[in-house]
Amino acid sequence: SNRGNRGEYRASTYRVPTHVQEAQPRPMTPIGAWLLEMDGGNGALLQYQLGAEANFDSVAQIVNLYARQVDSTGQTAVDPLLFQDLCIKKVGHQRLIEKWFRERALGSTSSEEPFPFQ
């Protein structure tokens, strides 16, 4: 009967890792949400969250500092200095950020501009 109890104990503890995983806090800060948005919610860019939050006050500030208009069509690019400043060395991560800046930084469809530019 001891073995039976042990088996039940194992069965009940088996589920703990899943529960712990689900209980992980999700980033609720604007910068954390922005990093998640850029990689489609995978969380690969969240490793840069603390650095970004230590150096910048908001996503708007980051965009204002690092977005560059590349031509008259309003196409935007990210200043590569952002990668240096946040120590983003992985090319794949740089590409995700470049894509977001190209598609979203100046292309706000709402009447309210979330990222004011000069």
N, C-alpha and C. Protein backbone atom coordinates (compact mmCIF):
# COMPACT_ATOMS: atom_id res chain seq x y z
N SER A 1 0.83 -1.21 0.00
CA SER A 1 0.00 0.00 0.00
C SER A 1 0.87 1.26 0.00
N ASN A 2 2.09 1.13 0.49
CA ASN A 2 3.03 2.26 0.43
C ASN A 2 3.30 2.67 -1.01
N ARG A 3 3.49 1.68 -1.86
CA ARG A 3 3.78 1.97 -3.27
C ARG A 3 2.63 2.71 -3.94
N GLY A 4 1.41 2.33 -3.57
CA GLY A 4 0.24 3.00 -4.13
C GLY A 4 0.24 4.48 -3.79
N ASN A 5 0.56 4.79 -2.54
CA ASN A 5 0.61 6.19 -2.13
C ASN A 5 1.69 6.96 -2.88
N ARG A 6 2.81 6.30 -3.03
CA ARG A 6 3.92 6.94 -3.75
C ARG A 6 3.51 7.24 -5.19
N GLY A 7 2.82 6.30 -5.81
CA GLY A 7 2.35 6.49 -7.18
C GLY A 7 1.42 7.67 -7.30
N GLU A 8 0.51 7.79 -6.33
CA GLU A 8 -0.43 8.92 -6.34
C GLU A 8 0.33 10.24 -6.16
N TYR A 9 1.31 10.22 -5.28
CA TYR A 9 2.11 11.43 -5.05
C TYR A 9 2.80 11.87 -6.33
N ARG A 10 3.39 10.88 -7.01
CA ARG A 10 4.07 11.21 -8.27
C ARG A 10 3.10 11.77 -9.29
N ALA A 11 1.92 11.18 -9.35
CA ALA A 11 0.93 11.65 -10.33
C ALA A 11 0.52 13.10 -10.04
N SER A 12 0.39 13.42 -8.75
CA SER A 12 -0.04 14.77 -8.41
C SER A 12 1.08 15.79 -8.64
N THR A 13 2.32 15.40 -8.43
CA THR A 13 3.42 16.36 -8.63
C THR A 13 3.77 16.48 -10.11
N TYR A 14 3.36 15.53 -10.90
CA TYR A 14 3.69 15.56 -12.33
C TYR A 14 3.13 16.82 -12.99
N ARG A 15 1.99 17.28 -12.52
CA ARG A 15 1.33 18.44 -13.15
C ARG A 15 1.95 19.78 -12.73
N VAL A 16 2.76 19.78 -11.70
CA VAL A 16 3.29 21.03 -11.17
C VAL A 16 4.06 21.88 -12.19
N PRO A 17 4.96 21.28 -12.99
CA PRO A 17 5.70 22.12 -13.93
C PRO A 17 4.78 22.92 -14.86
N THR A 18 3.70 22.28 -15.34
CA THR A 18 2.75 22.99 -16.21
C THR A 18 2.12 24.15 -15.46
N HIS A 19 1.72 23.90 -14.23
CA HIS A 19 1.08 24.93 -13.42
C HIS A 19 2.04 26.11 -13.18
N VAL A 20 3.27 25.78 -12.87
CA VAL A 20 4.28 26.82 -12.63
C VAL A 20 4.49 27.64 -13.90
N GLN A 21 4.54 26.94 -15.03
CA GLN A 21 4.74 27.62 -16.31
C GLN A 21 3.59 28.60 -16.58
N GLU A 22 2.36 28.16 -16.32
CA GLU A 22 1.20 29.01 -16.58
C GLU A 22 1.18 30.21 -15.64
N ALA A 23 1.77 30.05 -14.46
CA ALA A 23 1.74 31.12 -13.46
C ALA A 23 2.81 32.18 -13.69
N GLN A 24 3.67 31.97 -14.69
CA GLN A 24 4.72 32.96 -14.96
C GLN A 24 4.09 34.31 -15.27
N PRO A 25 4.57 35.37 -14.66
CA PRO A 25 3.97 36.69 -14.94
C PRO A 25 4.25 37.12 -16.37
N ARG A 26 3.25 37.63 -17.02
CA ARG A 26 3.43 38.14 -18.38
C ARG A 26 3.82 39.61 -18.29
N PRO A 27 4.62 40.08 -19.24
CA PRO A 27 5.04 41.49 -19.17
C PRO A 27 3.85 42.41 -19.41
N MET A 28 3.59 43.29 -18.48
CA MET A 28 2.45 44.19 -18.60
C MET A 28 2.89 45.61 -18.91
N THR A 29 4.20 45.84 -18.97
CA THR A 29 4.67 47.20 -19.24
C THR A 29 4.51 47.49 -20.74
N PRO A 30 4.36 48.76 -21.11
CA PRO A 30 4.25 49.11 -22.53
C PRO A 30 5.46 48.63 -23.35
N ILE A 31 6.66 48.75 -22.80
CA ILE A 31 7.85 48.32 -23.54
C ILE A 31 7.84 46.80 -23.69
N GLY A 32 7.46 46.08 -22.65
CA GLY A 32 7.35 44.62 -22.74
C GLY A 32 6.32 44.20 -23.78
N ALA A 33 5.18 44.87 -23.79
CA ALA A 33 4.12 44.56 -24.76
C ALA A 33 4.60 44.85 -26.18
N TRP A 34 5.37 45.91 -26.34
CA TRP A 34 5.90 46.29 -27.65
C TRP A 34 6.89 45.23 -28.15
N LEU A 35 7.77 44.77 -27.27
CA LEU A 35 8.73 43.73 -27.66
C LEU A 35 8.00 42.45 -28.05
N LEU A 36 6.94 42.12 -27.33
CA LEU A 36 6.14 40.94 -27.66
C LEU A 36 5.45 41.10 -29.01
N GLU A 37 4.94 42.28 -29.25
CA GLU A 37 4.24 42.55 -30.51
C GLU A 37 5.17 42.37 -31.70
N MET A 38 6.42 42.81 -31.55
CA MET A 38 7.36 42.76 -32.66
C MET A 38 7.69 41.34 -33.10
N ASP A 39 7.66 40.38 -32.15
CA ASP A 39 8.00 39.01 -32.57
C ASP A 39 6.77 38.10 -32.56
N GLY A 40 5.60 38.70 -32.66
CA GLY A 40 4.39 37.91 -32.77
C GLY A 40 4.02 37.16 -31.51
N GLY A 41 4.47 37.65 -30.36
CA GLY A 41 4.11 37.05 -29.09
C GLY A 41 4.99 35.90 -28.64
N ASN A 42 6.08 35.65 -29.36
CA ASN A 42 6.96 34.53 -28.98
C ASN A 42 7.81 34.82 -27.75
N GLY A 43 8.07 36.07 -27.48
CA GLY A 43 8.85 36.44 -26.31
C GLY A 43 10.35 36.42 -26.50
N ALA A 44 10.79 36.23 -27.75
CA ALA A 44 12.24 36.17 -28.00
C ALA A 44 12.93 37.50 -27.71
N LEU A 45 12.20 38.59 -27.85
CA LEU A 45 12.81 39.91 -27.65
C LEU A 45 12.71 40.40 -26.21
N LEU A 46 12.03 39.65 -25.35
CA LEU A 46 11.84 40.10 -23.97
C LEU A 46 13.15 40.18 -23.19
N GLN A 47 14.19 39.52 -23.69
CA GLN A 47 15.49 39.61 -23.01
C GLN A 47 16.05 41.03 -23.03
N TYR A 48 15.51 41.87 -23.91
CA TYR A 48 15.99 43.26 -24.00
C TYR A 48 15.12 44.23 -23.20
N GLN A 49 14.08 43.68 -22.53
CA GLN A 49 13.12 44.55 -21.83
C GLN A 49 13.77 45.36 -20.72
N LEU A 50 14.54 44.72 -19.86
CA LEU A 50 15.14 45.44 -18.73
C LEU A 50 16.07 46.54 -19.20
N GLY A 51 16.88 46.23 -20.21
CA GLY A 51 17.79 47.24 -20.77
C GLY A 51 17.04 48.41 -21.36
N ALA A 52 15.96 48.09 -22.08
CA ALA A 52 15.17 49.15 -22.72
C ALA A 52 14.50 50.02 -21.65
N GLU A 53 13.97 49.38 -20.62
CA GLU A 53 13.28 50.14 -19.57
C GLU A 53 14.24 50.95 -18.71
N ALA A 54 15.48 50.48 -18.62
CA ALA A 54 16.48 51.22 -17.85
C ALA A 54 16.93 52.48 -18.60
N ASN A 55 16.87 52.41 -19.93
CA ASN A 55 17.39 53.52 -20.74
C ASN A 55 16.34 54.45 -21.33
N PHE A 56 15.10 53.97 -21.43
CA PHE A 56 14.06 54.76 -22.08
C PHE A 56 12.79 54.81 -21.24
N ASP A 57 12.04 55.90 -21.39
CA ASP A 57 10.82 56.08 -20.62
C ASP A 57 9.61 55.44 -21.29
N SER A 58 9.64 55.33 -22.61
CA SER A 58 8.46 54.85 -23.33
C SER A 58 8.83 54.33 -24.71
N VAL A 59 7.89 53.63 -25.32
CA VAL A 59 8.06 53.17 -26.70
C VAL A 59 8.15 54.38 -27.62
N ALA A 60 7.34 55.40 -27.33
CA ALA A 60 7.36 56.62 -28.16
C ALA A 60 8.74 57.24 -28.18
N GLN A 61 9.40 57.25 -27.03
CA GLN A 61 10.75 57.81 -26.96
C GLN A 61 11.72 57.01 -27.82
N ILE A 62 11.62 55.69 -27.75
CA ILE A 62 12.50 54.82 -28.56
C ILE A 62 12.27 55.09 -30.04
N VAL A 63 11.00 55.14 -30.44
CA VAL A 63 10.68 55.35 -31.85
C VAL A 63 11.16 56.73 -32.30
N ASN A 64 10.93 57.73 -31.47
CA ASN A 64 11.37 59.08 -31.84
C ASN A 64 12.88 59.18 -31.99
N LEU A 65 13.60 58.43 -31.16
CA LEU A 65 15.06 58.49 -31.21
C LEU A 65 15.66 57.67 -32.36
N TYR A 66 15.01 56.57 -32.72
CA TYR A 66 15.66 55.63 -33.64
C TYR A 66 14.97 55.43 -34.98
N ALA A 67 13.79 56.00 -35.18
CA ALA A 67 13.13 55.86 -36.48
C ALA A 67 13.71 56.90 -37.44
N ARG A 68 14.00 56.44 -38.65
CA ARG A 68 14.55 57.33 -39.68
C ARG A 68 13.67 57.22 -40.92
N GLN A 69 13.28 58.37 -41.46
CA GLN A 69 12.52 58.34 -42.70
C GLN A 69 13.52 58.16 -43.84
N VAL A 70 13.31 57.12 -44.66
CA VAL A 70 14.31 56.81 -45.67
C VAL A 70 14.01 57.44 -47.03
N ASP A 71 12.75 57.75 -47.29
CA ASP A 71 12.45 58.42 -48.56
C ASP A 71 11.14 59.20 -48.45
N SER A 72 10.75 59.83 -49.56
CA SER A 72 9.58 60.71 -49.55
C SER A 72 8.26 59.95 -49.40
N THR A 73 8.28 58.63 -49.55
CA THR A 73 7.04 57.85 -49.44
C THR A 73 6.65 57.65 -47.98
N GLY A 74 7.53 58.07 -47.08
CA GLY A 74 7.22 57.92 -45.66
C GLY A 74 7.71 56.60 -45.10
N GLN A 75 8.46 55.85 -45.91
CA GLN A 75 9.03 54.59 -45.45
C GLN A 75 10.01 54.87 -44.30
N THR A 76 9.90 54.07 -43.24
CA THR A 76 10.80 54.28 -42.11
C THR A 76 11.76 53.12 -41.94
N ALA A 77 12.89 53.42 -41.36
CA ALA A 77 13.88 52.40 -41.03
C ALA A 77 14.34 52.68 -39.60
N VAL A 78 14.91 51.65 -38.99
CA VAL A 78 15.42 51.83 -37.63
C VAL A 78 16.90 52.17 -37.70
N ASP A 79 17.31 53.11 -36.89
CA ASP A 79 18.73 53.46 -36.80
C ASP A 79 19.46 52.27 -36.15
N PRO A 80 20.50 51.74 -36.81
CA PRO A 80 21.23 50.59 -36.26
C PRO A 80 21.83 50.86 -34.87
N LEU A 81 21.91 52.12 -34.48
CA LEU A 81 22.39 52.45 -33.14
C LEU A 81 21.54 51.81 -32.05
N LEU A 82 20.25 51.58 -32.35
CA LEU A 82 19.37 50.94 -31.36
C LEU A 82 19.92 49.56 -30.99
N PHE A 83 20.39 48.83 -31.99
CA PHE A 83 20.92 47.48 -31.73
C PHE A 83 22.17 47.55 -30.85
N GLN A 84 22.98 48.57 -31.10
CA GLN A 84 24.19 48.77 -30.30
C GLN A 84 23.83 49.17 -28.87
N ASP A 85 22.89 50.10 -28.76
CA ASP A 85 22.52 50.63 -27.45
C ASP A 85 21.85 49.58 -26.56
N LEU A 86 21.11 48.65 -27.16
CA LEU A 86 20.44 47.60 -26.37
C LEU A 86 21.17 46.26 -26.45
N CYS A 87 22.37 46.25 -27.05
CA CYS A 87 23.17 45.02 -27.19
C CYS A 87 22.40 43.91 -27.89
N ILE A 88 21.73 44.26 -28.97
CA ILE A 88 20.98 43.27 -29.76
C ILE A 88 21.91 42.78 -30.87
N LYS A 89 22.53 41.62 -30.62
CA LYS A 89 23.54 41.11 -31.56
C LYS A 89 22.96 40.10 -32.55
N LYS A 90 21.88 39.43 -32.18
CA LYS A 90 21.32 38.39 -33.05
C LYS A 90 20.64 39.03 -34.26
N VAL A 91 21.08 38.59 -35.45
CA VAL A 91 20.57 39.17 -36.69
C VAL A 91 19.06 38.95 -36.80
N GLY A 92 18.58 37.79 -36.38
CA GLY A 92 17.15 37.50 -36.44
C GLY A 92 16.33 38.49 -35.63
N HIS A 93 16.84 38.86 -34.46
CA HIS A 93 16.15 39.82 -33.61
C HIS A 93 16.19 41.21 -34.24
N GLN A 94 17.31 41.55 -34.85
CA GLN A 94 17.42 42.83 -35.54
C GLN A 94 16.40 42.92 -36.68
N ARG A 95 16.23 41.80 -37.40
CA ARG A 95 15.29 41.78 -38.54
C ARG A 95 13.85 42.01 -38.07
N LEU A 96 13.49 41.41 -36.93
CA LEU A 96 12.13 41.59 -36.39
C LEU A 96 11.88 43.07 -36.06
N ILE A 97 12.88 43.71 -35.48
CA ILE A 97 12.75 45.11 -35.10
C ILE A 97 12.71 45.99 -36.35
N GLU A 98 13.56 45.67 -37.33
CA GLU A 98 13.58 46.42 -38.59
C GLU A 98 12.21 46.34 -39.27
N LYS A 99 11.63 45.14 -39.27
CA LYS A 99 10.32 44.92 -39.90
C LYS A 99 9.26 45.78 -39.22
N TRP A 100 9.27 45.81 -37.88
CA TRP A 100 8.27 46.61 -37.16
C TRP A 100 8.42 48.09 -37.49
N PHE A 101 9.64 48.58 -37.49
CA PHE A 101 9.86 50.00 -37.79
C PHE A 101 9.41 50.32 -39.21
N ARG A 102 9.69 49.40 -40.13
CA ARG A 102 9.32 49.62 -41.53
C ARG A 102 7.79 49.68 -41.68
N GLU A 103 7.09 48.80 -40.96
CA GLU A 103 5.65 48.67 -41.16
C GLU A 103 4.81 49.54 -40.24
N ARG A 104 5.31 49.82 -39.04
CA ARG A 104 4.46 50.42 -38.03
C ARG A 104 4.88 51.79 -37.52
N ALA A 105 6.15 52.09 -37.53
CA ALA A 105 6.63 53.29 -36.81
C ALA A 105 5.92 54.56 -37.25
N LEU A 106 5.75 54.77 -38.56
CA LEU A 106 5.07 55.98 -39.02
C LEU A 106 3.70 55.66 -39.59
N GLY A 107 3.39 54.39 -39.71
CA GLY A 107 2.15 54.01 -40.38
C GLY A 107 0.97 53.84 -39.47
N SER A 108 0.76 54.76 -38.57
CA SER A 108 -0.39 54.67 -37.67
C SER A 108 -1.67 54.95 -38.44
N THR A 109 -2.65 54.04 -38.33
CA THR A 109 -3.90 54.22 -39.05
C THR A 109 -4.93 54.95 -38.20
N SER A 110 -4.66 55.04 -36.90
CA SER A 110 -5.63 55.74 -36.03
C SER A 110 -5.44 57.24 -36.15
N SER A 111 -6.49 57.99 -35.80
CA SER A 111 -6.41 59.45 -35.88
C SER A 111 -5.49 59.98 -34.78
N GLU A 112 -5.34 59.18 -33.74
CA GLU A 112 -4.50 59.58 -32.61
C GLU A 112 -3.12 58.99 -32.82
N GLU A 113 -2.12 59.81 -33.02
CA GLU A 113 -0.77 59.32 -33.26
C GLU A 113 -0.13 58.80 -31.98
N PRO A 114 0.16 57.49 -31.92
CA PRO A 114 0.78 56.99 -30.69
C PRO A 114 2.24 57.37 -30.58
N PHE A 115 2.88 57.64 -31.71
CA PHE A 115 4.31 57.98 -31.70
C PHE A 115 4.51 59.33 -32.38
N PRO A 116 4.52 60.40 -31.61
CA PRO A 116 4.67 61.73 -32.20
C PRO A 116 6.07 61.94 -32.81
N PHE A 117 6.09 62.47 -33.98
CA PHE A 117 7.36 62.80 -34.63
C PHE A 117 7.43 64.30 -34.82
N GLN A 118 8.68 64.80 -34.88
CA GLN A 118 8.85 66.23 -35.10
C GLN A 118 8.52 66.57 -36.55
